[in-house]
N, C-alpha and C. Protein backbone atom coordinates (compact mmCIF):
# COMPACT_ATOMS: atom_id res chain seq x y z
N MET A 1 0.96 -1.29 0.03
CA MET A 1 -0.22 0.22 0.42
C MET A 1 0.85 1.41 -0.08
N PRO A 2 0.71 2.22 -0.80
CA PRO A 2 1.26 3.85 -0.83
C PRO A 2 1.15 4.24 0.37
N GLU A 3 2.30 4.87 1.03
CA GLU A 3 2.31 5.39 2.04
C GLU A 3 1.46 6.54 2.36
N ASP A 4 1.19 7.11 1.36
CA ASP A 4 0.00 8.37 1.28
C ASP A 4 -1.14 7.81 1.63
N THR A 5 -1.32 6.42 1.13
CA THR A 5 -2.85 5.86 1.23
C THR A 5 -3.01 5.71 2.68
N ARG A 6 -1.81 4.93 2.97
CA ARG A 6 -1.84 4.65 4.64
C ARG A 6 -1.91 5.53 5.60
N LEU A 7 -1.48 6.74 5.03
CA LEU A 7 -1.59 8.11 6.29
C LEU A 7 -3.20 8.29 5.99
N MET A 8 -3.56 8.28 4.91
CA MET A 8 -4.76 8.63 4.62
C MET A 8 -5.89 7.81 5.50
N LEU A 9 -5.47 6.44 5.34
CA LEU A 9 -6.44 5.36 6.10
C LEU A 9 -6.24 5.83 7.64
N VAL A 10 -5.06 6.00 8.14
CA VAL A 10 -4.82 6.34 9.60
C VAL A 10 -5.62 7.40 10.01
N LYS A 11 -5.63 8.60 9.20
CA LYS A 11 -6.06 9.66 9.91
C LYS A 11 -7.92 9.81 9.87
N VAL A 12 -8.30 9.00 8.83
CA VAL A 12 -9.99 8.83 8.65
C VAL A 12 -10.31 7.81 9.93
N LEU A 13 -9.89 6.65 9.94
CA LEU A 13 -10.28 5.73 10.92
C LEU A 13 -10.02 6.08 12.23
N GLY A 14 -8.66 7.39 12.24
CA GLY A 14 -8.64 7.56 13.96
C GLY A 14 -9.62 8.59 13.97
N SER A 15 -10.36 9.44 12.93
CA SER A 15 -11.24 10.31 13.47
C SER A 15 -12.80 9.63 13.81
N LEU A 16 -12.75 8.23 13.61
CA LEU A 16 -13.93 7.77 13.83
C LEU A 16 -14.15 7.34 15.59
N LYS A 17 -15.65 7.43 15.94
CA LYS A 17 -15.54 6.94 17.79
C LYS A 17 -15.64 6.02 17.76
N GLN A 18 -16.08 4.79 16.45
CA GLN A 18 -15.58 3.48 16.78
C GLN A 18 -14.43 3.17 16.98
N ARG A 19 -14.33 1.52 17.32
CA ARG A 19 -13.12 0.80 17.14
C ARG A 19 -12.98 0.38 16.31
N VAL A 20 -11.72 -0.26 15.76
CA VAL A 20 -11.44 -0.18 14.55
C VAL A 20 -10.54 -1.54 14.41
N LEU A 21 -10.79 -2.77 13.88
CA LEU A 21 -9.86 -3.54 13.92
C LEU A 21 -9.24 -3.64 12.17
N TRP A 22 -8.11 -3.75 11.99
CA TRP A 22 -7.29 -3.82 10.75
C TRP A 22 -6.28 -4.75 10.44
N LYS A 23 -6.38 -5.28 9.46
CA LYS A 23 -5.44 -6.62 9.53
C LYS A 23 -4.36 -5.93 8.59
N TRP A 24 -3.15 -6.19 9.16
CA TRP A 24 -2.14 -5.50 8.52
C TRP A 24 -0.76 -6.27 9.05
N ASP A 25 0.04 -6.33 7.51
CA ASP A 25 1.04 -7.14 7.44
C ASP A 25 2.08 -7.07 8.39
N LYS A 26 2.09 -6.16 9.66
CA LYS A 26 3.26 -5.80 10.27
C LYS A 26 2.77 -5.95 11.91
N ASP A 27 3.60 -6.09 12.64
CA ASP A 27 3.02 -6.10 13.99
C ASP A 27 2.78 -4.70 14.98
N ASN A 28 3.31 -3.75 14.02
CA ASN A 28 3.02 -2.34 14.45
C ASN A 28 2.95 -1.48 13.78
N MET A 29 2.44 -0.14 14.14
CA MET A 29 2.50 1.35 13.43
C MET A 29 2.91 2.23 14.22
N GLU A 30 3.76 3.20 13.97
CA GLU A 30 4.00 3.94 14.91
C GLU A 30 3.06 4.97 15.31
N ASP A 31 2.40 5.45 14.18
CA ASP A 31 1.34 6.49 14.09
C ASP A 31 -0.17 5.64 14.30
N LEU A 32 -0.40 4.73 14.66
CA LEU A 32 -1.74 4.38 14.76
C LEU A 32 -1.96 4.97 15.80
N PRO A 33 -3.57 5.48 15.73
CA PRO A 33 -4.50 5.73 16.33
C PRO A 33 -5.03 5.14 17.68
N SER A 34 -4.99 5.22 18.81
CA SER A 34 -5.61 4.53 20.01
C SER A 34 -7.12 3.99 19.56
N ASN A 35 -7.93 4.64 18.85
CA ASN A 35 -9.04 3.29 18.63
C ASN A 35 -8.98 2.20 17.45
N VAL A 36 -7.63 2.10 17.21
CA VAL A 36 -7.47 1.27 16.16
C VAL A 36 -6.57 0.37 16.65
N LYS A 37 -6.87 -1.02 16.50
CA LYS A 37 -6.09 -2.17 16.63
C LYS A 37 -5.63 -3.08 15.39
N ILE A 38 -4.34 -3.22 14.98
CA ILE A 38 -4.00 -3.98 13.80
C ILE A 38 -3.30 -5.50 14.36
N SER A 39 -3.52 -6.40 13.35
CA SER A 39 -2.93 -7.61 13.65
C SER A 39 -2.76 -8.11 12.41
N LYS A 40 -1.56 -9.09 12.19
CA LYS A 40 -1.51 -9.95 10.92
C LYS A 40 -2.26 -11.09 10.51
N TYR A 41 -3.46 -11.39 11.50
CA TYR A 41 -4.41 -12.41 11.22
C TYR A 41 -5.38 -11.80 12.38
N LEU A 42 -6.73 -11.90 11.57
CA LEU A 42 -7.99 -11.75 12.07
C LEU A 42 -8.69 -12.53 11.85
N PRO A 43 -9.49 -13.18 12.84
CA PRO A 43 -10.68 -14.60 12.56
C PRO A 43 -11.98 -13.91 12.28
N GLN A 44 -11.80 -13.70 10.67
CA GLN A 44 -12.78 -12.74 10.19
C GLN A 44 -14.17 -13.25 10.02
N GLN A 45 -15.07 -14.80 10.14
CA GLN A 45 -15.98 -14.82 10.52
C GLN A 45 -16.65 -14.72 11.66
N ASP A 46 -15.50 -15.11 12.73
CA ASP A 46 -16.03 -15.06 14.44
C ASP A 46 -16.30 -13.44 14.29
N ILE A 47 -15.42 -12.14 13.79
CA ILE A 47 -15.69 -11.03 14.04
C ILE A 47 -16.97 -10.30 12.77
N LEU A 48 -17.06 -11.05 11.83
CA LEU A 48 -18.54 -10.77 11.40
C LEU A 48 -19.41 -11.33 11.85
N SER A 49 -19.58 -12.16 12.54
CA SER A 49 -20.52 -12.67 13.33
C SER A 49 -21.07 -12.09 14.64
N HIS A 50 -20.11 -10.92 15.46
CA HIS A 50 -20.21 -10.36 16.75
C HIS A 50 -21.64 -9.39 16.74
N PRO A 51 -22.49 -9.25 17.60
CA PRO A 51 -23.38 -8.83 17.18
C PRO A 51 -23.31 -6.84 17.16
N LYS A 52 -22.16 -6.85 17.66
CA LYS A 52 -21.67 -5.24 18.19
C LYS A 52 -21.19 -4.62 16.70
N LEU A 53 -20.70 -5.50 15.68
CA LEU A 53 -19.81 -4.92 14.57
C LEU A 53 -20.92 -4.17 13.63
N GLN A 54 -20.39 -3.04 13.46
CA GLN A 54 -21.26 -1.92 12.52
C GLN A 54 -20.71 -1.76 11.18
N LEU A 55 -19.57 -2.27 10.53
CA LEU A 55 -19.24 -2.03 9.41
C LEU A 55 -17.98 -3.02 9.22
N PHE A 56 -18.01 -3.41 7.59
CA PHE A 56 -17.02 -4.22 7.24
C PHE A 56 -16.29 -3.76 5.91
N MET A 57 -14.83 -3.44 6.24
CA MET A 57 -14.35 -2.66 5.02
C MET A 57 -13.43 -3.69 4.18
N THR A 58 -13.51 -3.97 2.99
CA THR A 58 -12.76 -4.89 2.24
C THR A 58 -12.61 -4.64 0.87
N HIS A 59 -11.78 -5.70 0.18
CA HIS A 59 -11.67 -5.33 -1.20
C HIS A 59 -12.65 -6.12 -2.02
N GLY A 60 -13.52 -6.80 -1.17
CA GLY A 60 -14.63 -7.28 -2.13
C GLY A 60 -14.49 -8.59 -2.68
N GLY A 61 -13.87 -9.16 -2.40
CA GLY A 61 -13.61 -10.70 -2.78
C GLY A 61 -14.83 -11.50 -2.44
N LEU A 62 -14.73 -12.53 -3.41
CA LEU A 62 -16.04 -13.56 -3.10
C LEU A 62 -16.24 -13.81 -1.69
N HIS A 63 -15.51 -14.62 -1.02
CA HIS A 63 -15.85 -15.10 0.14
C HIS A 63 -15.80 -14.10 1.31
N SER A 64 -15.26 -12.98 1.40
CA SER A 64 -15.65 -11.70 2.21
C SER A 64 -17.33 -11.30 1.79
N THR A 65 -17.41 -11.16 1.01
CA THR A 65 -18.90 -10.37 0.56
C THR A 65 -19.81 -11.75 0.45
N GLN A 66 -19.73 -12.90 0.54
CA GLN A 66 -20.46 -13.56 1.05
C GLN A 66 -20.55 -13.94 2.70
N GLU A 67 -19.23 -13.71 3.53
CA GLU A 67 -19.45 -13.86 4.85
C GLU A 67 -20.22 -12.34 5.52
N ALA A 68 -20.02 -11.53 4.79
CA ALA A 68 -20.82 -10.09 5.29
C ALA A 68 -22.34 -10.45 4.97
N PHE A 69 -22.77 -10.92 3.42
CA PHE A 69 -23.95 -11.41 3.28
C PHE A 69 -24.60 -12.46 4.23
N TYR A 70 -23.79 -13.04 4.29
CA TYR A 70 -24.47 -14.32 5.64
C TYR A 70 -24.34 -13.50 7.04
N ASN A 71 -23.87 -12.65 7.30
CA ASN A 71 -24.09 -12.12 8.88
C ASN A 71 -24.71 -10.87 8.94
N GLY A 72 -25.09 -10.39 7.43
CA GLY A 72 -26.10 -8.79 7.53
C GLY A 72 -25.41 -7.87 8.11
N ILE A 73 -24.08 -7.64 7.34
CA ILE A 73 -23.09 -6.40 7.83
C ILE A 73 -23.11 -5.74 6.56
N PRO A 74 -23.21 -4.59 6.97
CA PRO A 74 -23.14 -3.36 5.70
C PRO A 74 -21.43 -3.34 5.07
N VAL A 75 -21.29 -3.17 4.20
CA VAL A 75 -19.93 -3.33 3.69
C VAL A 75 -19.49 -1.67 2.86
N VAL A 76 -18.10 -1.64 2.72
CA VAL A 76 -17.13 -0.45 2.43
C VAL A 76 -16.49 -1.09 1.61
N GLY A 77 -16.36 -1.11 0.06
CA GLY A 77 -15.41 -2.05 -0.66
C GLY A 77 -14.30 -1.34 -1.42
N PHE A 78 -13.31 -1.77 -1.40
CA PHE A 78 -12.23 -1.20 -2.51
C PHE A 78 -11.24 -2.29 -3.52
N PRO A 79 -12.28 -2.32 -4.57
CA PRO A 79 -12.02 -3.39 -5.24
C PRO A 79 -10.72 -3.07 -6.12
N VAL A 80 -9.80 -4.28 -6.02
CA VAL A 80 -8.44 -3.93 -6.88
C VAL A 80 -8.43 -4.90 -7.97
N LEU A 81 -8.90 -6.20 -7.86
CA LEU A 81 -8.85 -6.82 -8.87
C LEU A 81 -9.53 -8.18 -9.47
N GLY A 82 -9.37 -9.13 -10.21
CA GLY A 82 -10.09 -9.94 -10.36
C GLY A 82 -11.66 -9.64 -10.29
N ASP A 83 -12.14 -10.49 -9.56
CA ASP A 83 -14.10 -10.73 -9.44
C ASP A 83 -14.54 -9.41 -8.47
N GLN A 84 -13.87 -8.73 -7.68
CA GLN A 84 -13.93 -7.85 -6.72
C GLN A 84 -14.65 -7.00 -7.14
N SER A 85 -14.67 -6.05 -8.58
CA SER A 85 -15.32 -5.17 -8.65
C SER A 85 -16.67 -5.78 -9.32
N MET A 86 -16.80 -6.61 -9.88
CA MET A 86 -18.35 -7.07 -10.13
C MET A 86 -19.14 -7.21 -8.69
N ASN A 87 -18.26 -8.20 -7.73
CA ASN A 87 -19.08 -8.43 -6.19
C ASN A 87 -19.28 -7.01 -5.76
N MET A 88 -18.44 -6.29 -5.36
CA MET A 88 -18.98 -4.80 -5.14
C MET A 88 -20.14 -3.97 -5.60
N ALA A 89 -19.81 -3.93 -7.09
CA ALA A 89 -21.23 -3.53 -7.79
C ALA A 89 -22.49 -3.89 -7.37
N ALA A 90 -22.69 -5.31 -7.18
CA ALA A 90 -23.92 -6.27 -6.68
C ALA A 90 -24.32 -5.48 -5.68
N VAL A 91 -23.18 -5.88 -4.32
CA VAL A 91 -23.38 -5.20 -3.24
C VAL A 91 -24.01 -3.85 -3.10
N GLU A 92 -23.70 -2.97 -3.92
CA GLU A 92 -24.13 -1.47 -4.24
C GLU A 92 -25.26 -1.17 -4.58
N LYS A 93 -25.48 -1.97 -5.88
CA LYS A 93 -26.78 -2.19 -6.29
C LYS A 93 -27.83 -2.62 -5.56
N GLN A 94 -27.53 -3.67 -4.50
CA GLN A 94 -28.67 -4.25 -3.90
C GLN A 94 -29.13 -3.41 -2.58
N GLY A 95 -27.98 -2.37 -2.46
CA GLY A 95 -28.18 -1.40 -1.37
C GLY A 95 -27.60 -1.50 0.13
N TRP A 96 -26.63 -2.61 0.19
CA TRP A 96 -26.32 -2.67 1.43
C TRP A 96 -24.76 -2.65 1.54
N GLY A 97 -24.09 -1.60 0.70
CA GLY A 97 -22.92 -1.52 0.92
C GLY A 97 -22.39 -0.21 -0.35
N ARG A 98 -21.29 0.23 -0.21
CA ARG A 98 -20.81 1.27 -0.87
C ARG A 98 -19.53 0.79 -1.59
N VAL A 99 -19.40 1.28 -2.62
CA VAL A 99 -17.82 1.22 -3.52
C VAL A 99 -17.22 1.98 -3.38
N ILE A 100 -15.58 2.12 -3.45
CA ILE A 100 -14.81 3.59 -3.51
C ILE A 100 -13.44 3.03 -4.46
N LYS A 101 -13.47 3.69 -5.74
CA LYS A 101 -12.42 3.28 -6.67
C LYS A 101 -10.90 3.97 -5.78
N TRP A 102 -10.15 2.83 -6.19
CA TRP A 102 -8.83 3.53 -5.63
C TRP A 102 -8.44 4.83 -6.24
N LYS A 103 -8.62 4.88 -7.49
CA LYS A 103 -8.19 6.02 -8.34
C LYS A 103 -9.23 7.51 -7.84
N ASP A 104 -10.40 7.41 -7.41
CA ASP A 104 -10.98 8.31 -6.98
C ASP A 104 -11.07 8.74 -5.45
N ILE A 105 -10.43 7.88 -4.58
CA ILE A 105 -10.07 7.85 -3.28
C ILE A 105 -9.47 9.15 -2.85
N THR A 106 -10.15 9.90 -2.11
CA THR A 106 -9.63 10.97 -1.19
C THR A 106 -10.03 11.21 0.42
N GLU A 107 -9.17 11.60 0.85
CA GLU A 107 -9.72 11.98 2.13
C GLU A 107 -10.83 12.22 2.93
N GLU A 108 -11.46 13.12 2.00
CA GLU A 108 -13.02 13.48 2.23
C GLU A 108 -13.83 12.56 1.74
N HIS A 109 -13.63 11.97 0.75
CA HIS A 109 -14.41 10.79 -0.01
C HIS A 109 -14.47 9.66 0.71
N LEU A 110 -13.46 9.42 1.43
CA LEU A 110 -13.41 8.15 2.38
C LEU A 110 -13.95 8.47 3.79
N ARG A 111 -14.10 9.23 3.99
CA ARG A 111 -14.75 9.80 5.51
C ARG A 111 -15.99 9.82 5.14
N GLU A 112 -16.43 10.54 4.23
CA GLU A 112 -18.06 10.70 3.73
C GLU A 112 -18.88 9.22 3.58
N THR A 113 -17.87 8.30 2.97
CA THR A 113 -18.66 7.09 2.57
C THR A 113 -18.61 6.24 3.77
N ILE A 114 -17.43 6.13 4.60
CA ILE A 114 -17.66 5.22 5.79
C ILE A 114 -18.76 5.81 6.73
N LEU A 115 -19.04 7.42 6.65
CA LEU A 115 -19.87 7.51 7.67
C LEU A 115 -21.34 7.58 7.30
N ASP A 116 -21.51 7.55 6.03
CA ASP A 116 -22.64 7.23 5.41
C ASP A 116 -23.07 5.87 5.67
N VAL A 117 -22.26 4.70 5.18
CA VAL A 117 -22.81 3.42 5.70
C VAL A 117 -23.24 3.22 7.05
N LEU A 118 -22.01 4.27 7.95
CA LEU A 118 -22.45 3.71 9.68
C LEU A 118 -23.59 4.54 10.11
N ASN A 119 -23.99 5.78 9.68
CA ASN A 119 -24.78 6.47 10.21
C ASN A 119 -26.41 6.19 9.24
N ASN A 120 -26.09 5.87 8.10
CA ASN A 120 -27.74 5.56 7.40
C ASN A 120 -28.07 4.45 7.75
N HIS A 121 -29.36 4.22 8.48
CA HIS A 121 -29.72 3.08 8.66
C HIS A 121 -30.23 2.04 7.53
N ARG A 122 -30.61 2.69 6.25
CA ARG A 122 -31.39 1.98 5.53
C ARG A 122 -29.95 0.65 4.89
N TYR A 123 -28.64 1.21 4.86
CA TYR A 123 -27.89 -0.29 4.72
C TYR A 123 -27.88 -1.30 5.80
N ARG A 124 -27.89 -1.43 6.85
CA ARG A 124 -27.89 -2.35 7.86
C ARG A 124 -29.39 -2.77 7.53
N VAL A 125 -30.26 -1.80 7.18
CA VAL A 125 -31.77 -2.95 7.04
C VAL A 125 -31.51 -3.73 6.36
N GLU A 126 -31.06 -3.38 4.88
CA GLU A 126 -31.13 -4.05 3.89
C GLU A 126 -30.31 -5.09 4.02
N ALA A 127 -28.91 -4.53 4.56
CA ALA A 127 -27.89 -6.01 4.77
C ALA A 127 -28.92 -7.03 5.49
N GLN A 128 -29.51 -7.02 6.89
CA GLN A 128 -30.02 -7.86 7.42
C GLN A 128 -31.41 -8.44 6.73
N ARG A 129 -31.97 -7.88 5.53
CA ARG A 129 -32.80 -8.16 4.80
C ARG A 129 -32.24 -9.45 3.99
N GLN A 130 -31.05 -9.15 3.54
CA GLN A 130 -30.32 -9.97 2.58
C GLN A 130 -30.00 -11.23 3.62
N GLN A 131 -29.30 -11.28 4.71
CA GLN A 131 -29.29 -12.27 5.76
C GLN A 131 -30.41 -12.95 5.87
N ARG A 132 -31.64 -12.41 5.94
CA ARG A 132 -32.91 -13.33 5.81
C ARG A 132 -32.98 -14.07 4.90
N ILE A 133 -32.66 -13.82 3.88
CA ILE A 133 -32.91 -14.53 2.53
C ILE A 133 -31.91 -15.38 2.44
N ALA A 134 -30.74 -15.53 2.64
CA ALA A 134 -29.62 -16.41 2.68
C ALA A 134 -30.17 -17.47 3.53
N LEU A 135 -30.42 -17.12 4.94
CA LEU A 135 -30.65 -18.46 6.03
C LEU A 135 -32.24 -18.62 5.68
N ASP A 136 -33.19 -18.55 5.02
CA ASP A 136 -34.42 -18.51 4.99
C ASP A 136 -34.55 -20.00 3.75
N GLN A 137 -33.92 -21.34 4.40
CA GLN A 137 -34.22 -22.37 3.70
C GLN A 137 -34.75 -23.43 3.86
N LEU A 138 -35.22 -24.34 3.33
CA LEU A 138 -36.02 -25.66 3.64
C LEU A 138 -35.41 -26.53 4.89
N ILE A 139 -34.28 -26.64 5.13
CA ILE A 139 -33.84 -27.49 6.05
C ILE A 139 -32.12 -26.87 6.15
N THR A 140 -31.51 -27.12 7.26
CA THR A 140 -30.20 -26.24 7.48
C THR A 140 -29.11 -26.88 6.90
N PRO A 141 -28.18 -26.42 6.50
CA PRO A 141 -26.93 -26.82 5.54
C PRO A 141 -26.44 -28.60 6.72
N GLN A 142 -26.61 -28.55 7.97
CA GLN A 142 -25.93 -29.58 8.56
C GLN A 142 -27.15 -30.89 7.97
N GLU A 143 -28.45 -30.54 8.17
CA GLU A 143 -29.19 -31.29 7.92
C GLU A 143 -29.21 -31.98 6.46
N THR A 144 -28.64 -30.85 5.25
CA THR A 144 -28.27 -31.57 3.88
C THR A 144 -27.23 -32.33 3.93
N VAL A 145 -26.22 -32.10 4.61
CA VAL A 145 -25.09 -32.97 4.50
C VAL A 145 -25.49 -34.23 5.32
N ASN A 146 -26.32 -34.14 6.43
CA ASN A 146 -26.85 -35.83 7.05
C ASN A 146 -27.42 -36.46 5.63
N TYR A 147 -28.77 -35.69 5.28
CA TYR A 147 -29.61 -36.62 3.92
C TYR A 147 -28.59 -36.99 3.19
N TRP A 148 -27.49 -36.30 2.46
CA TRP A 148 -26.64 -36.84 1.77
C TRP A 148 -25.66 -38.05 1.94
N VAL A 149 -25.13 -37.63 2.88
CA VAL A 149 -24.60 -38.63 3.69
C VAL A 149 -25.14 -39.81 3.50
N ASP A 150 -26.34 -40.30 4.33
CA ASP A 150 -27.04 -41.10 4.52
C ASP A 150 -27.56 -41.79 3.10
N TYR A 151 -27.88 -40.95 2.03
CA TYR A 151 -28.22 -41.37 0.74
C TYR A 151 -26.80 -42.11 0.14
N VAL A 152 -25.75 -41.79 0.09
CA VAL A 152 -24.82 -42.31 -0.63
C VAL A 152 -24.57 -43.57 0.15
N ILE A 153 -24.76 -43.96 1.73
CA ILE A 153 -24.46 -45.08 2.65
C ILE A 153 -25.49 -45.95 1.77
N ARG A 154 -27.03 -45.67 1.78
CA ARG A 154 -28.31 -46.17 1.50
C ARG A 154 -27.95 -47.14 0.01
N HIS A 155 -27.29 -46.04 -0.74
CA HIS A 155 -27.40 -46.59 -2.01
C HIS A 155 -26.06 -47.10 -2.61
N ASN A 156 -24.75 -47.41 -1.82
CA ASN A 156 -23.87 -48.31 -1.96
C ASN A 156 -22.98 -47.73 -2.87
N GLY A 157 -22.77 -46.22 -1.98
CA GLY A 157 -21.78 -45.13 -2.57
C GLY A 157 -22.42 -44.55 -3.85
N ALA A 158 -23.83 -44.69 -4.36
CA ALA A 158 -24.60 -43.67 -5.18
C ALA A 158 -23.87 -43.68 -6.39
N LYS A 159 -23.56 -44.71 -7.10
CA LYS A 159 -22.72 -44.82 -8.53
C LYS A 159 -23.51 -43.90 -9.60
N HIS A 160 -24.76 -44.08 -9.47
CA HIS A 160 -25.55 -43.53 -10.49
C HIS A 160 -25.46 -41.72 -10.75
N LEU A 161 -24.82 -41.13 -9.71
CA LEU A 161 -24.49 -39.79 -9.67
C LEU A 161 -22.88 -39.54 -10.19
N ASP A 162 -22.43 -40.41 -10.15
CA ASP A 162 -21.12 -40.40 -10.89
C ASP A 162 -21.05 -39.25 -12.05
N SER A 163 -20.60 -38.09 -11.82
CA SER A 163 -20.32 -37.23 -13.38
C SER A 163 -19.76 -38.03 -14.52
N PRO A 164 -20.40 -38.01 -15.73
CA PRO A 164 -20.23 -38.68 -16.86
C PRO A 164 -18.77 -38.52 -16.99
N ILE A 165 -17.93 -37.42 -16.93
CA ILE A 165 -16.41 -36.97 -17.25
C ILE A 165 -15.46 -38.27 -16.89
N LYS A 166 -16.04 -39.32 -15.74
CA LYS A 166 -15.39 -40.35 -15.26
C LYS A 166 -15.25 -41.28 -16.64
N TRP A 167 -16.08 -41.12 -17.29
CA TRP A 167 -16.14 -42.24 -18.45
C TRP A 167 -15.83 -41.60 -19.53
N MET A 168 -15.57 -40.07 -19.74
CA MET A 168 -15.15 -39.66 -20.91
C MET A 168 -13.86 -39.78 -21.42
N PRO A 169 -13.44 -39.81 -22.76
CA PRO A 169 -11.85 -40.17 -23.25
C PRO A 169 -11.46 -38.66 -23.14
N TRP A 170 -10.26 -39.08 -22.56
CA TRP A 170 -9.36 -37.58 -22.77
C TRP A 170 -9.21 -36.51 -23.72
N TYR A 171 -9.48 -37.02 -24.91
CA TYR A 171 -9.47 -35.96 -25.83
C TYR A 171 -10.85 -35.23 -25.83
N LYS A 172 -12.12 -35.92 -25.66
CA LYS A 172 -13.16 -35.44 -25.30
C LYS A 172 -13.45 -34.33 -23.81
N LEU A 173 -12.78 -35.03 -23.12
CA LEU A 173 -12.29 -33.93 -21.85
C LEU A 173 -11.94 -32.71 -21.97
N TYR A 174 -10.61 -33.08 -22.73
CA TYR A 174 -10.30 -31.58 -22.89
C TYR A 174 -10.49 -30.90 -24.33
N ASN A 175 -11.73 -31.21 -24.70
CA ASN A 175 -12.22 -30.44 -26.28
C ASN A 175 -11.28 -30.57 -27.33
N ILE A 176 -10.16 -31.73 -27.38
CA ILE A 176 -9.54 -31.93 -28.31
C ILE A 176 -9.94 -31.75 -29.32
N ASP A 177 -11.10 -32.59 -29.64
CA ASP A 177 -11.85 -33.07 -30.89
C ASP A 177 -12.48 -31.70 -31.75
N VAL A 178 -12.78 -30.88 -30.61
CA VAL A 178 -13.35 -29.62 -31.10
C VAL A 178 -12.76 -28.67 -31.64
N TRP A 179 -11.62 -28.64 -30.66
CA TRP A 179 -10.39 -27.60 -31.11
C TRP A 179 -9.69 -28.24 -32.56
N ALA A 180 -9.78 -29.15 -32.59
CA ALA A 180 -8.96 -30.00 -33.65
C ALA A 180 -9.86 -29.53 -35.18
N VAL A 181 -11.36 -29.47 -35.03
CA VAL A 181 -11.94 -29.16 -35.93
C VAL A 181 -12.02 -27.79 -36.19
N LEU A 182 -11.80 -26.89 -35.33
CA LEU A 182 -12.17 -25.24 -35.50
C LEU A 182 -10.61 -25.08 -36.12
N ILE A 183 -9.64 -25.55 -35.41
CA ILE A 183 -8.42 -25.40 -36.11
C ILE A 183 -8.04 -25.57 -37.85
N SER A 184 -8.44 -26.67 -37.75
CA SER A 184 -8.31 -27.04 -39.34
C SER A 184 -9.38 -26.39 -40.07
N SER A 185 -10.40 -25.95 -39.90
CA SER A 185 -11.33 -25.26 -40.86
C SER A 185 -11.11 -23.83 -40.74
N LEU A 186 -10.52 -23.09 -39.55
CA LEU A 186 -9.71 -22.02 -39.94
C LEU A 186 -8.51 -21.94 -41.09
N ILE A 187 -7.53 -23.15 -40.98
CA ILE A 187 -6.70 -23.34 -41.79
C ILE A 187 -6.96 -23.42 -43.17
N LEU A 188 -8.24 -24.22 -43.18
CA LEU A 188 -8.76 -24.44 -44.70
C LEU A 188 -9.31 -23.29 -45.21
N THR A 189 -9.88 -22.42 -44.47
CA THR A 189 -10.66 -21.18 -44.92
C THR A 189 -9.65 -20.20 -45.20
N PHE A 190 -8.62 -20.01 -44.21
CA PHE A 190 -7.38 -18.92 -44.60
C PHE A 190 -6.58 -19.34 -45.89
N GLY A 191 -6.60 -20.70 -46.11
CA GLY A 191 -5.73 -21.49 -47.28
C GLY A 191 -6.63 -20.92 -48.44
N CYS A 192 -8.00 -20.95 -48.41
CA CYS A 192 -8.80 -20.60 -49.60
C CYS A 192 -8.79 -19.18 -50.19
N ILE A 193 -8.61 -18.18 -48.94
CA ILE A 193 -8.82 -17.09 -49.08
C ILE A 193 -7.41 -16.50 -49.76
N ILE A 194 -6.57 -16.92 -49.42
CA ILE A 194 -4.79 -16.86 -49.81
C ILE A 194 -5.12 -17.60 -51.35
N LYS A 195 -4.93 -18.78 -51.58
CA LYS A 195 -4.98 -18.92 -52.77
C LYS A 195 -5.80 -18.01 -53.82
N SER A 196 -7.15 -17.69 -53.29
CA SER A 196 -8.23 -16.87 -53.97
C SER A 196 -7.37 -15.60 -54.59
N LEU A 197 -6.68 -15.00 -53.71
CA LEU A 197 -6.16 -13.58 -53.64
C LEU A 197 -4.67 -13.84 -54.49
N ILE A 198 -4.04 -14.92 -54.61
CA ILE A 198 -3.38 -15.38 -55.73
C ILE A 198 -3.28 -15.51 -56.38
N TRP A 199 -4.61 -16.20 -57.34
CA TRP A 199 -5.59 -16.09 -58.60
C TRP A 199 -5.92 -14.84 -58.98
N THR A 200 -6.50 -14.04 -58.24
CA THR A 200 -6.86 -12.98 -58.53
C THR A 200 -5.94 -11.79 -59.03
N TYR A 201 -4.41 -12.02 -58.11
CA TYR A 201 -3.14 -11.03 -58.32
C TYR A 201 -2.82 -11.40 -59.81
N LYS A 202 -2.80 -12.85 -59.98
CA LYS A 202 -2.17 -13.61 -61.21
C LYS A 202 -3.00 -13.30 -62.30
N CYS A 203 -4.18 -13.28 -62.31
CA CYS A 203 -5.10 -12.75 -63.30
C CYS A 203 -5.18 -11.05 -63.55
N CYS A 204 -4.98 -10.35 -62.89
CA CYS A 204 -4.40 -8.97 -62.76
C CYS A 204 -3.32 -8.63 -63.30
N ARG A 205 -2.38 -9.30 -62.96
CA ARG A 205 -1.00 -9.37 -64.16
C ARG A 205 -1.19 -9.48 -65.49
N ARG A 206 -1.93 -10.71 -65.56
CA ARG A 206 -2.03 -11.40 -67.12
C ARG A 206 -2.74 -10.30 -68.19
N ARG A 207 -3.75 -9.58 -67.63
CA ARG A 207 -4.33 -8.50 -68.26
C ARG A 207 -3.43 -7.27 -68.31
N GLU A 208 -2.63 -7.02 -67.12
CA GLU A 208 -1.82 -6.05 -67.79
C GLU A 208 -0.78 -6.22 -68.61
N LYS A 209 -0.42 -7.32 -68.49
CA LYS A 209 0.65 -7.77 -69.80
C LYS A 209 0.05 -7.60 -70.79
N LYS A 210 -1.21 -8.15 -71.13
CA LYS A 210 -2.24 -8.06 -72.88
C LYS A 210 -2.05 -6.80 -73.08
N LYS A 211 -2.42 -5.61 -71.73
CA LYS A 211 -2.58 -4.23 -72.27
C LYS A 211 -1.14 -3.81 -73.03
N THR A 212 0.00 -4.28 -72.04
CA THR A 212 1.25 -3.73 -72.42
C THR A 212 1.76 -3.97 -74.06
N ASN A 213 1.50 -5.37 -74.45
CA ASN A 213 2.20 -5.90 -75.49
C ASN A 213 0.68 -5.56 -76.52
């Protein structure tokens, strides 16, 4: 993280009245505010399930957004790469978080976004609504596991559920036959085009020679 960005985060987080947990890759930070605690490791799921947690700041990875969704926690996201932008775009569209793009980040924008999600009750209401949707299932995950373990035992390994890939030839598994046809077709097409161009060129040359003669 660039030093100017770190200093900005320190200043903004230090201005909050809430206590902050910050996952950091070092054991200490000289200018760390009194309300901020850093650690190389934080038990994310345990923290997200704590009843007093008010906000989760994250890059917006799939696991992080799913855990926040499951626990009904509003999110402020800073997507960097991969699927993070898409995940956070969905969070913002659903109304239980906001996105800050690194190229647009400023001290004022960061503080305004954090305070908006902290103080605007609609983000928590929507996060908790999303949580209720996630938890509203016919049976619990534990019951699902129990059922399928018993199912496999009852049916002697449930061979009928094996994936067809198990018996598929390797060249079909990796689409070698499909790629072979596509590449052959492309080679044939380009070959025909090149031959047509050569034939057209030769015809034009012959006509020019006849005119010259």
